[in-house]
Amino acid sequence: MFKTKILFIGPNESGKTVLANFLSDTVEHVEGEYRPTRGVRILEFESQPCDVELWDCSGDFKFESCWPAMITDSSGVVIIFNPDVPSHLKEIETWYSMFISSQGLQDKQCLLIAHHKPGSTVEDGRLPLASHLGRLALIHSNLEEKSEDVRQAFSAYLGNIVNAMSESREREEMSIIT
């Protein structure tokens, strides 16, 4: 079985920890008062088709010096943002350049999650994303109304990660043989 390291990154107060807790079955309830993550939290859990090490990274730029260590050996990156906050659409471009384009990850190793908090006024659908972000898979998460859709979409994303890891391993083995 593959072991994957997935980074959850994005702006402050976008819902990274809520989604991490939900997807890892860490908590029963998804509500609660906001408490910013300090540095990073690492959650480990089993999911089809792999063992997951989910790194819930702080959105605070004061931890930027730690980011190279967080990125090391990552299998995938999930950028989470709140579509109700207009500045998040611009800010996720910075997250993309720092964590994805600088690492040369394939598009299928990346995922955008527009996390709709309770009372969200933004409709699911197309968002005004920069063209390079438009190539990434985008899901809308609403844990109040469509929580199982979020879980299924994340599971499909993990399947993409495992496929990318498998293809990479095969290329590596072929380069040794030839």
Protein backbone atom coordinates (compact mmCIF):
# COMPACT_ATOMS: atom_id res chain seq x y z
CA MET A 1 0.00 0.00 0.00
CA PHE A 2 1.24 3.49 -0.83
CA LYS A 3 1.90 6.08 1.86
CA THR A 4 1.06 9.61 0.75
CA LYS A 5 1.96 12.98 2.19
CA ILE A 6 -0.70 15.56 1.34
CA LEU A 7 -0.32 19.24 2.24
CA PHE A 8 -3.40 21.31 3.07
CA ILE A 9 -2.42 24.92 2.40
CA GLY A 10 -4.16 28.22 1.85
CA PRO A 11 -5.11 31.55 3.39
CA ASN A 12 -5.91 32.02 7.07
CA GLU A 13 -9.46 31.13 8.11
CA SER A 14 -10.23 29.23 4.91
CA GLY A 15 -11.30 25.97 6.57
CA LYS A 16 -8.16 23.82 6.26
CA THR A 17 -8.37 22.40 9.78
CA VAL A 18 -12.12 21.77 9.59
CA LEU A 19 -11.66 19.83 6.33
CA ALA A 20 -8.60 17.97 7.66
CA ASN A 21 -10.50 16.92 10.77
CA PHE A 22 -13.53 15.87 8.73
CA LEU A 23 -11.61 13.87 6.11
CA SER A 24 -9.47 12.10 8.71
CA ASP A 25 -12.50 11.39 10.94
CA THR A 26 -10.70 13.19 13.77
CA VAL A 27 -13.81 14.90 15.13
CA GLU A 28 -17.53 14.23 15.16
CA HIS A 29 -18.66 17.86 14.81
CA VAL A 30 -17.31 20.33 12.27
CA GLU A 31 -18.33 23.52 14.06
CA GLY A 32 -16.41 25.41 16.68
CA GLU A 33 -14.60 28.63 17.30
CA TYR A 34 -11.68 29.57 15.10
CA ARG A 35 -8.23 28.73 16.44
CA PRO A 36 -5.36 29.29 14.01
CA THR A 37 -2.99 26.40 13.39
CA ARG A 38 0.52 27.05 14.67
CA GLY A 39 2.99 25.82 12.09
CA VAL A 40 1.58 22.46 11.06
CA ARG A 41 -0.57 19.60 12.38
CA ILE A 42 0.01 16.11 11.00
CA LEU A 43 -2.94 13.73 10.86
CA GLU A 44 -2.48 10.10 9.86
CA PHE A 45 -5.29 7.87 8.67
CA GLU A 46 -6.10 5.03 6.29
CA SER A 47 -8.15 5.67 3.20
CA GLN A 48 -8.71 3.72 0.03
CA PRO A 49 -6.31 3.35 -1.77
CA CYS A 50 -3.49 4.49 0.55
CA ASP A 51 -2.26 5.48 3.99
CA VAL A 52 -2.48 9.25 4.31
CA GLU A 53 -0.26 11.65 6.17
CA LEU A 54 -2.21 14.90 5.99
CA TRP A 55 -0.24 18.03 6.82
CA ASP A 56 -2.61 20.80 7.94
CA CYS A 57 -0.35 23.83 7.38
CA SER A 58 -0.86 27.25 8.91
CA GLY A 59 -1.88 30.01 6.53
CA ASP A 60 0.23 32.51 8.46
CA PHE A 61 3.23 33.79 6.50
CA LYS A 62 5.27 34.02 9.70
CA PHE A 63 5.81 30.24 9.26
CA GLU A 64 7.17 30.67 5.71
CA SER A 65 10.68 29.62 6.80
CA CYS A 66 9.24 26.16 7.62
CA TRP A 67 7.60 25.64 4.22
CA PRO A 68 10.59 24.05 2.45
CA ALA A 69 10.67 21.33 5.13
CA MET A 70 6.92 20.80 4.79
CA ILE A 71 7.15 20.47 1.02
CA THR A 72 9.87 17.81 1.16
CA ASP A 73 8.59 14.42 -0.06
CA SER A 74 5.01 15.63 -0.51
CA SER A 75 2.84 13.56 -2.85
CA GLY A 76 0.20 16.22 -3.38
CA VAL A 77 -1.01 19.68 -2.46
CA VAL A 78 -4.55 20.83 -1.71
CA ILE A 79 -5.19 24.58 -1.74
CA ILE A 80 -8.20 25.47 0.37
CA PHE A 81 -9.83 28.90 0.22
CA ASN A 82 -13.06 30.61 1.20
CA PRO A 83 -14.86 31.83 -1.95
CA ASP A 84 -16.76 34.39 0.19
CA VAL A 85 -13.49 36.27 0.81
CA PRO A 86 -12.47 38.08 -2.42
CA SER A 87 -8.82 38.42 -1.36
CA HIS A 88 -8.52 34.62 -1.14
CA LEU A 89 -8.87 34.29 -4.94
CA LYS A 90 -5.75 36.43 -5.37
CA GLU A 91 -3.91 34.91 -2.41
CA ILE A 92 -4.21 31.34 -3.70
CA GLU A 93 -2.02 32.36 -6.66
CA THR A 94 0.82 32.93 -4.17
CA TRP A 95 0.20 29.54 -2.56
CA TYR A 96 0.25 27.95 -6.01
CA SER A 97 3.60 29.48 -6.95
CA MET A 98 5.22 28.66 -3.59
CA PHE A 99 4.01 25.09 -3.19
CA ILE A 100 3.08 23.75 -6.61
CA SER A 101 4.89 25.40 -9.52
CA SER A 102 8.15 25.57 -7.56
CA GLN A 103 7.96 21.79 -6.92
CA GLY A 104 7.02 20.78 -10.45
CA LEU A 105 3.97 18.83 -9.32
CA GLN A 106 1.61 17.54 -12.00
CA ASP A 107 -1.86 19.06 -12.15
CA LYS A 108 -3.40 15.75 -11.07
CA GLN A 109 -1.38 15.90 -7.84
CA CYS A 110 -3.10 19.17 -6.92
CA LEU A 111 -6.60 20.08 -5.87
CA LEU A 112 -8.45 23.33 -5.18
CA ILE A 113 -11.20 23.28 -2.58
CA ALA A 114 -13.60 26.23 -2.38
CA HIS A 115 -14.74 25.71 1.20
CA HIS A 116 -18.19 27.15 1.86
CA LYS A 117 -18.65 27.98 5.51
CA PRO A 118 -22.10 28.08 7.11
CA GLY A 119 -24.01 31.06 5.71
CA SER A 120 -21.91 31.22 2.54
CA THR A 121 -23.36 33.53 -0.11
CA VAL A 122 -21.30 32.28 -3.06
CA GLU A 123 -22.94 29.73 -5.34
CA ASP A 124 -21.18 26.52 -6.36
CA GLY A 125 -19.90 26.91 -9.88
CA ARG A 126 -17.28 28.76 -11.84
CA LEU A 127 -15.02 31.15 -9.98
CA PRO A 128 -12.83 33.87 -11.51
CA LEU A 129 -9.56 31.93 -11.16
CA ALA A 130 -6.25 32.71 -12.86
CA SER A 131 -5.72 30.57 -15.97
CA HIS A 132 -3.01 28.36 -14.39
CA LEU A 133 -5.33 27.64 -11.46
CA GLY A 134 -8.15 26.81 -13.86
CA ARG A 135 -6.22 23.70 -14.96
CA LEU A 136 -6.49 22.19 -11.48
CA ALA A 137 -9.43 20.13 -10.28
CA LEU A 138 -11.81 22.28 -8.23
CA ILE A 139 -14.38 21.04 -5.78
CA HIS A 140 -16.83 23.03 -3.70
CA SER A 141 -17.13 21.80 -0.14
CA ASN A 142 -20.18 22.33 1.98
CA LEU A 143 -19.98 20.12 5.03
CA GLU A 144 -23.46 21.09 6.20
CA GLU A 145 -25.25 19.93 3.06
CA LYS A 146 -22.94 17.75 0.94
CA SER A 147 -20.35 16.25 3.26
CA GLU A 148 -20.24 12.84 1.54
CA ASP A 149 -19.64 14.53 -1.84
CA VAL A 150 -16.52 16.12 -0.32
CA ARG A 151 -15.33 12.77 1.02
CA GLN A 152 -15.87 11.07 -2.37
CA ALA A 153 -14.09 13.86 -4.26
CA PHE A 154 -11.12 13.66 -1.88
CA SER A 155 -11.01 9.88 -2.30
CA ALA A 156 -10.92 10.31 -6.10
CA TYR A 157 -8.08 12.81 -5.65
CA LEU A 158 -6.16 10.27 -3.54
CA GLY A 159 -6.64 7.79 -6.40
CA ASN A 160 -4.97 10.31 -8.74
CA ILE A 161 -2.09 10.67 -6.28
CA VAL A 162 -1.56 6.90 -6.09
CA ASN A 163 -1.63 6.67 -9.91
CA ALA A 164 0.98 9.44 -10.17
CA MET A 165 3.16 7.71 -7.57
CA SER A 166 2.80 4.37 -9.35
CA GLU A 167 3.74 5.90 -12.72
CA SER A 168 6.75 7.60 -11.13
CA ARG A 169 7.89 4.33 -9.55
CA GLU A 170 7.53 2.52 -12.90
CA ARG A 171 9.59 5.21 -14.68
CA GLU A 172 12.25 4.92 -11.99
CA GLU A 173 12.38 1.14 -12.33
CA MET A 174 12.58 1.37 -16.12
CA SER A 175 15.46 3.86 -15.92
CA ILE A 176 17.38 1.40 -13.74
CA ILE A 177 16.76 -1.46 -16.18
CA THR A 178 17.79 0.49 -19.28
